[in-house]
Amino acid sequence: MNHLKLAIIGLGKIARDQHIPALTASDEFELVAAASPQGHLDGTPSFPSIAELLESCPEVEAVSLCTPPQVRYETARYALERGRHVLLEKPPGVTVGEIQELAELALTQGVALFASWHSRHAPAVEPARAWLASRRIHNVTITWKEDVRVWHPGQRWIWQPGGLGVFDPGINALSILTHLIPGTFRLCAADLSYPSNCDTPIAAQLLLAGPTGFPIRADLDFLHEGPPCWDIAVETNSGRLHLSRGGNHAQVDGKPLPTQAHTEYASLYAHFAELVRARRLDVDISPLQLVADAFLSGRRLSVAAFSE
């Protein structure tokens, strides 16, 4: 099988920690180029922009966009218009409308577009989804807390419009939730805590209604000290499912649920390869829609200024 030639756009923490190692180990992709205005990738042709990259490397078939979300739409559109397949790191963009527009463009161009919710590919998520399929759900509790100073040091874009603030990690929980349980979710209430010097929230409490009306409570915190807490608990008519470590581990009534053998980003790129070869789209905006609803209707609370 011929490797698909891929370029990575954006060389920040997520690209270096997750994407590049997964691509290096991939049986489907060959990482042939990179673009970033503020860095380069050793041993790989590197360019300051996607325009210069695609002009110099016309063999590139697909691009993986790891830029901050505020510039992702323009970059994705540029690639799609030139017939390249596109993977969007989460969140796929800053508005629902721009993602819908990109999906329409990808369809017109006949290329793949993947809004990649990486947490859905965590090893325990699919087994948990299968277990829940035959159960009646009573309620869900999401606790998603981490220290922004540890996980996103110096990344000012998170606090700027479109950066999502605490929803940058919190949307991972919402992506798992909307994958575990089929149907439509409704935001009932939200409290969003904004530092006085930031344009995005540093904490959020959400109340949602699930597809059959069951309550879902989410506590998101970006100032949590100590080990991160990435947990989802689901009470059902026949036991309690507890997903922990961001979907990497699951228990039912305290007993481990068997998990899959892959890692998140290995599975993510395997799926992208399937989309590319079939020229299909996988663009689910439901997690971003819930965040948009929280910004639209949530109560804004002012809290102390944030400092690194």
C-alpha atoms as a PDB file:
ATOM      1  CA  MET A   1       0.000   0.000   0.000  1.00  0.00           C
ATOM      2  CA  ASN A   2       1.317   3.436  -0.939  1.00  0.00           C
ATOM      3  CA  HIS A   3       1.666   5.864   1.919  1.00  0.00           C
ATOM      4  CA  LEU A   4      -0.464   9.010   1.724  1.00  0.00           C
ATOM      5  CA  LYS A   5       1.735  12.096   1.666  1.00  0.00           C
ATOM      6  CA  LEU A   6       0.712  14.471   4.433  1.00  0.00           C
ATOM      7  CA  ALA A   7       1.855  17.864   5.697  1.00  0.00           C
ATOM      8  CA  ILE A   8       1.290  19.198   9.187  1.00  0.00           C
ATOM      9  CA  ILE A   9       0.293  22.836   9.591  1.00  0.00           C
ATOM     10  CA  GLY A  10       1.109  24.332  12.984  1.00  0.00           C
ATOM     11  CA  LEU A  11       3.957  23.108  15.158  1.00  0.00           C
ATOM     12  CA  GLY A  12       2.707  23.842  18.645  1.00  0.00           C
ATOM     13  CA  LYS A  13       2.460  21.573  21.672  1.00  0.00           C
ATOM     14  CA  ILE A  14      -0.336  19.316  20.385  1.00  0.00           C
ATOM     15  CA  ALA A  15       1.443  18.757  17.070  1.00  0.00           C
ATOM     16  CA  ARG A  16       4.739  17.808  18.693  1.00  0.00           C
ATOM     17  CA  ASP A  17       3.246  15.808  21.582  1.00  0.00           C
ATOM     18  CA  GLN A  18       0.621  13.837  19.657  1.00  0.00           C
ATOM     19  CA  HIS A  19       0.376  14.292  15.900  1.00  0.00           C
ATOM     20  CA  ILE A  20       4.011  13.924  14.884  1.00  0.00           C
ATOM     21  CA  PRO A  21       4.636  10.744  16.949  1.00  0.00           C
ATOM     22  CA  ALA A  22       1.413   9.201  15.579  1.00  0.00           C
ATOM     23  CA  LEU A  23       2.371  10.072  12.009  1.00  0.00           C
ATOM     24  CA  THR A  24       5.897   8.750  12.467  1.00  0.00           C
ATOM     25  CA  ALA A  25       4.441   5.384  13.503  1.00  0.00           C
ATOM     26  CA  SER A  26       1.640   5.365  10.936  1.00  0.00           C
ATOM     27  CA  ASP A  27       1.323   2.625   8.313  1.00  0.00           C
ATOM     28  CA  GLU A  28      -0.920   4.891   6.217  1.00  0.00           C
ATOM     29  CA  PHE A  29       0.754   8.296   6.133  1.00  0.00           C
ATOM     30  CA  GLU A  30       4.168   9.727   5.325  1.00  0.00           C
ATOM     31  CA  LEU A  31       4.889  13.111   6.918  1.00  0.00           C
ATOM     32  CA  VAL A  32       6.612  14.983   4.093  1.00  0.00           C
ATOM     33  CA  ALA A  33       6.422  18.673   5.058  1.00  0.00           C
ATOM     34  CA  ALA A  34       5.441  21.147   7.765  1.00  0.00           C
ATOM     35  CA  ALA A  35       4.363  24.777   7.927  1.00  0.00           C
ATOM     36  CA  SER A  36       4.516  27.203  10.830  1.00  0.00           C
ATOM     37  CA  PRO A  37       5.287  30.920  11.011  1.00  0.00           C
ATOM     38  CA  GLN A  38       7.175  30.390  14.276  1.00  0.00           C
ATOM     39  CA  GLY A  39       9.138  27.166  13.946  1.00  0.00           C
ATOM     40  CA  HIS A  40      10.356  24.273  11.854  1.00  0.00           C
ATOM     41  CA  LEU A  41      10.464  20.499  12.097  1.00  0.00           C
ATOM     42  CA  ASP A  42      13.964  19.019  12.123  1.00  0.00           C
ATOM     43  CA  GLY A  43      14.603  16.703   9.199  1.00  0.00           C
ATOM     44  CA  THR A  44      11.424  17.737   7.376  1.00  0.00           C
ATOM     45  CA  PRO A  45      11.024  20.503   4.778  1.00  0.00           C
ATOM     46  CA  SER A  46       9.444  23.392   6.676  1.00  0.00           C
ATOM     47  CA  PHE A  47       7.766  26.542   5.396  1.00  0.00           C
ATOM     48  CA  PRO A  48       6.310  29.694   6.975  1.00  0.00           C
ATOM     49  CA  SER A  49       2.862  29.253   5.389  1.00  0.00           C
ATOM     50  CA  ILE A  50       0.618  26.679   3.771  1.00  0.00           C
ATOM     51  CA  ALA A  51       0.775  28.618   0.509  1.00  0.00           C
ATOM     52  CA  GLU A  52       4.544  28.267   0.293  1.00  0.00           C
ATOM     53  CA  LEU A  53       4.354  24.638   1.378  1.00  0.00           C
ATOM     54  CA  LEU A  54       1.856  23.586  -1.286  1.00  0.00           C
ATOM     55  CA  GLU A  55       3.724  25.537  -3.962  1.00  0.00           C
ATOM     56  CA  SER A  56       7.009  23.827  -3.059  1.00  0.00           C
ATOM     57  CA  CYS A  57       5.531  20.380  -2.327  1.00  0.00           C
ATOM     58  CA  PRO A  58       2.781  19.693  -4.870  1.00  0.00           C
ATOM     59  CA  GLU A  59       2.910  15.982  -3.991  1.00  0.00           C
ATOM     60  CA  VAL A  60       1.188  16.667  -0.645  1.00  0.00           C
ATOM     61  CA  GLU A  61      -2.213  14.941  -0.695  1.00  0.00           C
ATOM     62  CA  ALA A  62      -3.508  15.801   2.769  1.00  0.00           C
ATOM     63  CA  VAL A  63      -2.920  18.334   5.517  1.00  0.00           C
ATOM     64  CA  SER A  64      -3.395  18.102   9.257  1.00  0.00           C
ATOM     65  CA  LEU A  65      -4.264  21.468  10.790  1.00  0.00           C
ATOM     66  CA  CYS A  66      -2.885  21.945  14.304  1.00  0.00           C
ATOM     67  CA  THR A  67      -3.033  25.742  14.341  1.00  0.00           C
ATOM     68  CA  PRO A  68      -4.981  27.747  16.919  1.00  0.00           C
ATOM     69  CA  PRO A  69      -8.672  27.615  15.953  1.00  0.00           C
ATOM     70  CA  GLN A  70      -8.833  31.328  15.121  1.00  0.00           C
ATOM     71  CA  VAL A  71      -6.912  30.805  11.859  1.00  0.00           C
ATOM     72  CA  ARG A  72      -8.093  27.309  11.008  1.00  0.00           C
ATOM     73  CA  TYR A  73     -10.931  28.281   8.672  1.00  0.00           C
ATOM     74  CA  GLU A  74      -8.768  30.274   6.265  1.00  0.00           C
ATOM     75  CA  THR A  75      -6.086  27.581   6.223  1.00  0.00           C
ATOM     76  CA  ALA A  76      -8.581  24.772   5.686  1.00  0.00           C
ATOM     77  CA  ARG A  77     -10.343  26.645   2.921  1.00  0.00           C
ATOM     78  CA  TYR A  78      -7.052  27.286   1.149  1.00  0.00           C
ATOM     79  CA  ALA A  79      -6.196  23.579   1.236  1.00  0.00           C
ATOM     80  CA  LEU A  80      -9.662  22.373   0.185  1.00  0.00           C
ATOM     81  CA  GLU A  81      -9.794  24.782  -2.750  1.00  0.00           C
ATOM     82  CA  ARG A  82      -6.575  23.196  -3.984  1.00  0.00           C
ATOM     83  CA  GLY A  83      -7.935  19.665  -3.738  1.00  0.00           C
ATOM     84  CA  ARG A  84      -6.210  18.561  -0.540  1.00  0.00           C
ATOM     85  CA  HIS A  85      -7.813  16.372   2.106  1.00  0.00           C
ATOM     86  CA  VAL A  86      -8.047  18.109   5.483  1.00  0.00           C
ATOM     87  CA  LEU A  87      -7.958  16.994   9.114  1.00  0.00           C
ATOM     88  CA  LEU A  88      -9.022  19.608  11.669  1.00  0.00           C
ATOM     89  CA  GLU A  89      -7.676  19.291  15.207  1.00  0.00           C
ATOM     90  CA  LYS A  90     -10.328  20.043  17.812  1.00  0.00           C
ATOM     91  CA  PRO A  91     -12.108  22.363  18.052  1.00  0.00           C
ATOM     92  CA  PRO A  92     -12.603  22.342  14.279  1.00  0.00           C
ATOM     93  CA  GLY A  93     -13.129  26.106  14.209  1.00  0.00           C
ATOM     94  CA  VAL A  94     -14.496  29.049  16.142  1.00  0.00           C
ATOM     95  CA  THR A  95     -18.068  29.066  14.741  1.00  0.00           C
ATOM     96  CA  VAL A  96     -20.574  26.460  13.654  1.00  0.00           C
ATOM     97  CA  GLY A  97     -21.187  28.321  10.408  1.00  0.00           C
ATOM     98  CA  GLU A  98     -17.604  28.196   9.202  1.00  0.00           C
ATOM     99  CA  ILE A  99     -17.432  24.421   9.705  1.00  0.00           C
ATOM    100  CA  GLN A 100     -20.645  23.950   7.758  1.00  0.00           C
ATOM    101  CA  GLU A 101     -19.180  26.049   4.949  1.00  0.00           C
ATOM    102  CA  LEU A 102     -15.993  23.957   4.896  1.00  0.00           C
ATOM    103  CA  ALA A 103     -18.067  20.778   4.729  1.00  0.00           C
ATOM    104  CA  GLU A 104     -19.962  22.107   1.723  1.00  0.00           C
ATOM    105  CA  LEU A 105     -16.690  23.046   0.030  1.00  0.00           C
ATOM    106  CA  ALA A 106     -15.187  19.597   0.677  1.00  0.00           C
ATOM    107  CA  LEU A 107     -18.239  17.970  -0.890  1.00  0.00           C
ATOM    108  CA  THR A 108     -17.958  20.213  -3.932  1.00  0.00           C
ATOM    109  CA  GLN A 109     -14.245  19.463  -4.273  1.00  0.00           C
ATOM    110  CA  GLY A 110     -14.699  15.734  -3.754  1.00  0.00           C
ATOM    111  CA  VAL A 111     -12.118  15.530  -0.958  1.00  0.00           C
ATOM    112  CA  ALA A 112     -12.125  14.287   2.638  1.00  0.00           C
ATOM    113  CA  LEU A 113     -12.753  16.564   5.602  1.00  0.00           C
ATOM    114  CA  PHE A 114     -12.403  15.252   9.165  1.00  0.00           C
ATOM    115  CA  ALA A 115     -13.432  17.211  12.256  1.00  0.00           C
ATOM    116  CA  SER A 116     -11.293  15.066  14.526  1.00  0.00           C
ATOM    117  CA  TRP A 117     -12.521  14.753  18.108  1.00  0.00           C
ATOM    118  CA  HIS A 118      -9.485  12.881  19.404  1.00  0.00           C
ATOM    119  CA  SER A 119     -10.994  11.943  22.773  1.00  0.00           C
ATOM    120  CA  ARG A 120     -13.601   9.822  20.993  1.00  0.00           C
ATOM    121  CA  HIS A 121     -10.700   7.579  19.961  1.00  0.00           C
ATOM    122  CA  ALA A 122      -9.551   6.907  23.529  1.00  0.00           C
ATOM    123  CA  PRO A 123      -9.351   3.135  24.177  1.00  0.00           C
ATOM    124  CA  ALA A 124     -12.305   2.850  26.565  1.00  0.00           C
ATOM    125  CA  VAL A 125     -14.809   5.011  24.669  1.00  0.00           C
ATOM    126  CA  GLU A 126     -16.114   2.467  22.151  1.00  0.00           C
ATOM    127  CA  PRO A 127     -16.449  -0.332  24.742  1.00  0.00           C
ATOM    128  CA  ALA A 128     -18.334   2.118  26.973  1.00  0.00           C
ATOM    129  CA  ARG A 129     -20.579   3.105  24.081  1.00  0.00           C
ATOM    130  CA  ALA A 130     -21.371  -0.542  23.363  1.00  0.00           C
ATOM    131  CA  TRP A 131     -22.163  -1.208  27.050  1.00  0.00           C
ATOM    132  CA  LEU A 132     -24.516   1.782  27.245  1.00  0.00           C
ATOM    133  CA  ALA A 133     -26.385   0.876  24.063  1.00  0.00           C
ATOM    134  CA  SER A 134     -28.726  -1.550  25.852  1.00  0.00           C
ATOM    135  CA  ARG A 135     -29.125   0.445  29.079  1.00  0.00           C
ATOM    136  CA  ARG A 136     -31.571   3.131  30.185  1.00  0.00           C
ATOM    137  CA  ILE A 137     -29.678   6.188  31.403  1.00  0.00           C
ATOM    138  CA  HIS A 138     -30.768   7.991  34.585  1.00  0.00           C
ATOM    139  CA  ASN A 139     -28.173  10.784  34.765  1.00  0.00           C
ATOM    140  CA  VAL A 140     -24.634  11.788  33.765  1.00  0.00           C
ATOM    141  CA  THR A 141     -21.982  13.676  35.719  1.00  0.00           C
ATOM    142  CA  ILE A 142     -18.947  15.177  33.974  1.00  0.00           C
ATOM    143  CA  THR A 143     -15.951  16.382  35.973  1.00  0.00           C
ATOM    144  CA  TRP A 144     -13.259  17.832  33.707  1.00  0.00           C
ATOM    145  CA  LYS A 145     -10.538  19.713  35.563  1.00  0.00           C
ATOM    146  CA  GLU A 146      -6.915  20.511  34.766  1.00  0.00           C
ATOM    147  CA  ASP A 147      -4.299  23.199  35.328  1.00  0.00           C
ATOM    148  CA  VAL A 148      -3.988  25.462  32.294  1.00  0.00           C
ATOM    149  CA  ARG A 149      -0.502  26.491  33.433  1.00  0.00           C
ATOM    150  CA  VAL A 150       0.643  22.874  33.045  1.00  0.00           C
ATOM    151  CA  TRP A 151      -1.245  21.827  29.919  1.00  0.00           C
ATOM    152  CA  HIS A 152      -1.243  25.106  27.958  1.00  0.00           C
ATOM    153  CA  PRO A 153       1.649  27.199  29.270  1.00  0.00           C
ATOM    154  CA  GLY A 154       1.937  30.622  27.662  1.00  0.00           C
ATOM    155  CA  GLN A 155      -0.749  29.958  25.043  1.00  0.00           C
ATOM    156  CA  ARG A 156      -2.454  33.345  25.005  1.00  0.00           C
ATOM    157  CA  TRP A 157      -4.707  32.423  22.083  1.00  0.00           C
ATOM    158  CA  ILE A 158      -6.836  30.379  24.510  1.00  0.00           C
ATOM    159  CA  TRP A 159      -7.901  33.588  26.280  1.00  0.00           C
ATOM    160  CA  GLN A 160      -8.675  35.510  23.096  1.00  0.00           C
ATOM    161  CA  PRO A 161     -12.011  35.472  21.224  1.00  0.00           C
ATOM    162  CA  GLY A 162     -12.411  32.075  19.566  1.00  0.00           C
ATOM    163  CA  GLY A 163      -9.909  30.402  21.888  1.00  0.00           C
ATOM    164  CA  LEU A 164     -12.698  28.809  24.006  1.00  0.00           C
ATOM    165  CA  GLY A 165     -10.897  29.084  27.372  1.00  0.00           C
ATOM    166  CA  VAL A 166     -11.932  26.193  29.614  1.00  0.00           C
ATOM    167  CA  PHE A 167     -13.939  24.748  26.742  1.00  0.00           C
ATOM    168  CA  ASP A 168     -10.696  23.957  24.907  1.00  0.00           C
ATOM    169  CA  PRO A 169     -10.287  20.904  27.179  1.00  0.00           C
ATOM    170  CA  GLY A 170     -13.965  20.765  28.154  1.00  0.00           C
ATOM    171  CA  ILE A 171     -15.087  20.161  24.583  1.00  0.00           C
ATOM    172  CA  ASN A 172     -13.245  16.825  24.806  1.00  0.00           C
ATOM    173  CA  ALA A 173     -15.760  15.733  27.432  1.00  0.00           C
ATOM    174  CA  LEU A 174     -18.654  16.935  25.288  1.00  0.00           C
ATOM    175  CA  SER A 175     -17.254  15.072  22.289  1.00  0.00           C
ATOM    176  CA  ILE A 176     -17.192  11.828  24.296  1.00  0.00           C
ATOM    177  CA  LEU A 177     -20.694  12.463  25.682  1.00  0.00           C
ATOM    178  CA  THR A 178     -22.238  13.053  22.257  1.00  0.00           C
ATOM    179  CA  HIS A 179     -20.526   9.939  20.917  1.00  0.00           C
ATOM    180  CA  LEU A 180     -21.484   7.658  23.821  1.00  0.00           C
ATOM    181  CA  ILE A 181     -25.181   8.480  23.635  1.00  0.00           C
ATOM    182  CA  PRO A 182     -26.946   8.913  20.272  1.00  0.00           C
ATOM    183  CA  GLY A 183     -29.493  11.694  19.942  1.00  0.00           C
ATOM    184  CA  THR A 184     -29.881  15.412  20.517  1.00  0.00           C
ATOM    185  CA  PHE A 185     -28.693  17.202  23.652  1.00  0.00           C
ATOM    186  CA  ARG A 186     -30.128  20.469  24.952  1.00  0.00           C
ATOM    187  CA  LEU A 187     -28.352  23.057  27.053  1.00  0.00           C
ATOM    188  CA  CYS A 188     -30.610  24.115  29.933  1.00  0.00           C
ATOM    189  CA  ALA A 189     -28.315  26.462  31.876  1.00  0.00           C
ATOM    190  CA  ALA A 190     -24.694  27.529  32.101  1.00  0.00           C
ATOM    191  CA  ASP A 191     -22.540  29.606  34.447  1.00  0.00           C
ATOM    192  CA  LEU A 192     -19.347  30.860  32.807  1.00  0.00           C
ATOM    193  CA  SER A 193     -16.554  32.388  34.922  1.00  0.00           C
ATOM    194  CA  TYR A 194     -14.488  35.018  33.081  1.00  0.00           C
ATOM    195  CA  PRO A 195     -11.235  36.404  34.482  1.00  0.00           C
ATOM    196  CA  SER A 196     -11.239  40.191  34.308  1.00  0.00           C
ATOM    197  CA  ASN A 197      -8.345  40.154  31.811  1.00  0.00           C
ATOM    198  CA  CYS A 198      -9.620  37.373  29.502  1.00  0.00           C
ATOM    199  CA  ASP A 199     -12.204  37.116  26.725  1.00  0.00           C
ATOM    200  CA  THR A 200     -12.952  33.441  27.372  1.00  0.00           C
ATOM    201  CA  PRO A 201     -14.037  31.610  30.553  1.00  0.00           C
ATOM    202  CA  ILE A 202     -11.699  29.856  32.960  1.00  0.00           C
ATOM    203  CA  ALA A 203     -14.443  27.683  34.505  1.00  0.00           C
ATOM    204  CA  ALA A 204     -17.953  26.585  33.579  1.00  0.00           C
ATOM    205  CA  GLN A 205     -20.866  24.685  35.085  1.00  0.00           C
ATOM    206  CA  LEU A 206     -23.397  23.285  32.648  1.00  0.00           C
ATOM    207  CA  LEU A 207     -26.788  21.654  32.988  1.00  0.00           C
ATOM    208  CA  LEU A 208     -27.952  19.728  29.941  1.00  0.00           C
ATOM    209  CA  ALA A 209     -30.829  17.445  29.074  1.00  0.00           C
ATOM    210  CA  GLY A 210     -30.046  14.181  27.309  1.00  0.00           C
ATOM    211  CA  PRO A 211     -31.999  12.712  24.374  1.00  0.00           C
ATOM    212  CA  THR A 212     -34.684  11.274  26.674  1.00  0.00           C
ATOM    213  CA  GLY A 213     -34.589  14.159  29.123  1.00  0.00           C
ATOM    214  CA  PHE A 214     -32.186  12.742  31.704  1.00  0.00           C
ATOM    215  CA  PRO A 215     -30.030  15.372  33.460  1.00  0.00           C
ATOM    216  CA  ILE A 216     -26.354  15.930  32.701  1.00  0.00           C
ATOM    217  CA  ARG A 217     -24.193  18.087  34.928  1.00  0.00           C
ATOM    218  CA  ALA A 218     -20.736  19.210  33.842  1.00  0.00           C
ATOM    219  CA  ASP A 219     -18.130  20.909  36.032  1.00  0.00           C
ATOM    220  CA  LEU A 220     -15.240  22.321  33.988  1.00  0.00           C
ATOM    221  CA  ASP A 221     -12.258  23.989  35.663  1.00  0.00           C
ATOM    222  CA  PHE A 222      -9.014  25.325  34.172  1.00  0.00           C
ATOM    223  CA  LEU A 223      -7.380  26.207  37.521  1.00  0.00           C
ATOM    224  CA  HIS A 224      -7.382  22.752  39.071  1.00  0.00           C
ATOM    225  CA  GLU A 225      -4.180  21.998  40.964  1.00  0.00           C
ATOM    226  CA  GLY A 226      -2.711  18.511  41.142  1.00  0.00           C
ATOM    227  CA  PRO A 227      -3.422  15.577  38.826  1.00  0.00           C
ATOM    228  CA  PRO A 228      -6.050  16.285  36.163  1.00  0.00           C
ATOM    229  CA  CYS A 229      -9.548  14.885  36.572  1.00  0.00           C
ATOM    230  CA  TRP A 230     -11.156  13.837  33.272  1.00  0.00           C
ATOM    231  CA  ASP A 231     -14.145  11.759  34.387  1.00  0.00           C
ATOM    232  CA  ILE A 232     -17.627  10.910  33.108  1.00  0.00           C
ATOM    233  CA  ALA A 233     -20.017   8.914  35.300  1.00  0.00           C
ATOM    234  CA  VAL A 234     -23.239   7.457  33.878  1.00  0.00           C
ATOM    235  CA  GLU A 235     -25.934   6.035  36.158  1.00  0.00           C
ATOM    236  CA  THR A 236     -28.132   3.478  34.386  1.00  0.00           C
ATOM    237  CA  ASN A 237     -30.886   1.006  35.181  1.00  0.00           C
ATOM    238  CA  SER A 238     -28.298  -1.780  35.415  1.00  0.00           C
ATOM    239  CA  GLY A 239     -25.140  -0.273  36.845  1.00  0.00           C
ATOM    240  CA  ARG A 240     -22.821   2.695  36.956  1.00  0.00           C
ATOM    241  CA  LEU A 241     -20.328   3.335  34.172  1.00  0.00           C
ATOM    242  CA  HIS A 242     -17.277   5.386  35.130  1.00  0.00           C
ATOM    243  CA  LEU A 243     -14.993   6.643  32.364  1.00  0.00           C
ATOM    244  CA  SER A 244     -11.745   8.129  33.670  1.00  0.00           C
ATOM    245  CA  ARG A 245      -8.414   9.469  32.426  1.00  0.00           C
ATOM    246  CA  GLY A 246     -10.102  11.121  29.475  1.00  0.00           C
ATOM    247  CA  GLY A 247     -11.677   7.930  28.166  1.00  0.00           C
ATOM    248  CA  ASN A 248      -8.615   5.718  28.594  1.00  0.00           C
ATOM    249  CA  HIS A 249     -10.097   3.631  31.408  1.00  0.00           C
ATOM    250  CA  ALA A 250     -13.627   2.429  32.213  1.00  0.00           C
ATOM    251  CA  GLN A 251     -15.312   0.599  35.062  1.00  0.00           C
ATOM    252  CA  VAL A 252     -18.813  -0.759  35.554  1.00  0.00           C
ATOM    253  CA  ASP A 253     -19.766  -0.923  39.224  1.00  0.00           C
ATOM    254  CA  GLY A 254     -16.058  -0.885  40.087  1.00  0.00           C
ATOM    255  CA  LYS A 255     -15.075  -3.691  37.708  1.00  0.00           C
ATOM    256  CA  PRO A 256     -12.802  -2.844  34.738  1.00  0.00           C
ATOM    257  CA  LEU A 257     -14.365  -2.807  31.297  1.00  0.00           C
ATOM    258  CA  PRO A 258     -12.102  -4.275  28.577  1.00  0.00           C
ATOM    259  CA  THR A 259     -10.564  -1.541  26.430  1.00  0.00           C
ATOM    260  CA  GLN A 260      -9.240  -1.400  22.879  1.00  0.00           C
ATOM    261  CA  ALA A 261      -5.538  -1.817  22.156  1.00  0.00           C
ATOM    262  CA  HIS A 262      -4.885   1.371  20.175  1.00  0.00           C
ATOM    263  CA  THR A 263      -3.825   4.854  21.249  1.00  0.00           C
ATOM    264  CA  GLU A 264      -5.970   7.922  20.564  1.00  0.00           C
ATOM    265  CA  TYR A 265      -4.042   9.516  17.728  1.00  0.00           C
ATOM    266  CA  ALA A 266      -3.136   6.215  16.062  1.00  0.00           C
ATOM    267  CA  SER A 267      -6.856   5.463  15.814  1.00  0.00           C
ATOM    268  CA  LEU A 268      -7.627   9.005  14.707  1.00  0.00           C
ATOM    269  CA  TYR A 269      -5.179   8.838  11.795  1.00  0.00           C
ATOM    270  CA  ALA A 270      -6.335   5.348  10.820  1.00  0.00           C
ATOM    271  CA  HIS A 271      -9.841   6.761  10.472  1.00  0.00           C
ATOM    272  CA  PHE A 272      -8.579   9.770   8.518  1.00  0.00           C
ATOM    273  CA  ALA A 273      -6.829   7.424   6.104  1.00  0.00           C
ATOM    274  CA  GLU A 274     -10.142   5.622   5.506  1.00  0.00           C
ATOM    275  CA  LEU A 275     -11.846   8.941   4.816  1.00  0.00           C
ATOM    276  CA  VAL A 276      -9.104  10.043   2.428  1.00  0.00           C
ATOM    277  CA  ARG A 277      -9.136   6.831   0.407  1.00  0.00           C
ATOM    278  CA  ALA A 278     -12.943   6.960   0.161  1.00  0.00           C
ATOM    279  CA  ARG A 279     -13.058  10.777  -0.249  1.00  0.00           C
ATOM    280  CA  ARG A 280     -15.670  11.039   2.505  1.00  0.00           C
ATOM    281  CA  LEU A 281     -16.514  13.542   5.235  1.00  0.00           C
ATOM    282  CA  ASP A 282     -16.746  13.055   8.992  1.00  0.00           C
ATOM    283  CA  VAL A 283     -17.857  16.430  10.294  1.00  0.00           C
ATOM    284  CA  ASP A 284     -19.874  16.203  13.517  1.00  0.00           C
ATOM    285  CA  ILE A 285     -20.403  19.666  15.006  1.00  0.00           C
ATOM    286  CA  SER A 286     -22.535  18.608  17.996  1.00  0.00           C
ATOM    287  CA  PRO A 287     -19.810  19.251  20.634  1.00  0.00           C
ATOM    288  CA  LEU A 288     -19.093  22.704  19.170  1.00  0.00           C
ATOM    289  CA  GLN A 289     -22.828  23.417  19.012  1.00  0.00           C
ATOM    290  CA  LEU A 290     -23.164  22.800  22.754  1.00  0.00           C
ATOM    291  CA  VAL A 291     -20.275  25.177  23.448  1.00  0.00           C
ATOM    292  CA  ALA A 292     -21.836  27.780  21.159  1.00  0.00           C
ATOM    293  CA  ASP A 293     -25.123  27.410  23.050  1.00  0.00           C
ATOM    294  CA  ALA A 294     -23.281  27.936  26.355  1.00  0.00           C
ATOM    295  CA  PHE A 295     -21.727  31.161  25.076  1.00  0.00           C
ATOM    296  CA  LEU A 296     -25.090  32.278  23.694  1.00  0.00           C
ATOM    297  CA  SER A 297     -27.236  31.681  26.781  1.00  0.00           C
ATOM    298  CA  GLY A 298     -24.838  31.234  29.705  1.00  0.00           C
ATOM    299  CA  ARG A 299     -24.693  33.552  32.679  1.00  0.00           C
ATOM    300  CA  ARG A 300     -21.425  35.506  32.767  1.00  0.00           C
ATOM    301  CA  LEU A 301     -19.623  35.674  36.132  1.00  0.00           C
ATOM    302  CA  SER A 302     -16.585  37.897  36.740  1.00  0.00           C
ATOM    303  CA  VAL A 303     -13.654  36.401  38.636  1.00  0.00           C
ATOM    304  CA  ALA A 304     -10.077  37.415  39.475  1.00  0.00           C
ATOM    305  CA  ALA A 305      -7.610  38.170  36.707  1.00  0.00           C
ATOM    306  CA  PHE A 306      -5.599  35.237  35.387  1.00  0.00           C
ATOM    307  CA  SER A 307      -1.801  35.165  35.478  1.00  0.00           C
ATOM    308  CA  GLU A 308       0.645  32.466  34.467  1.00  0.00           C
END
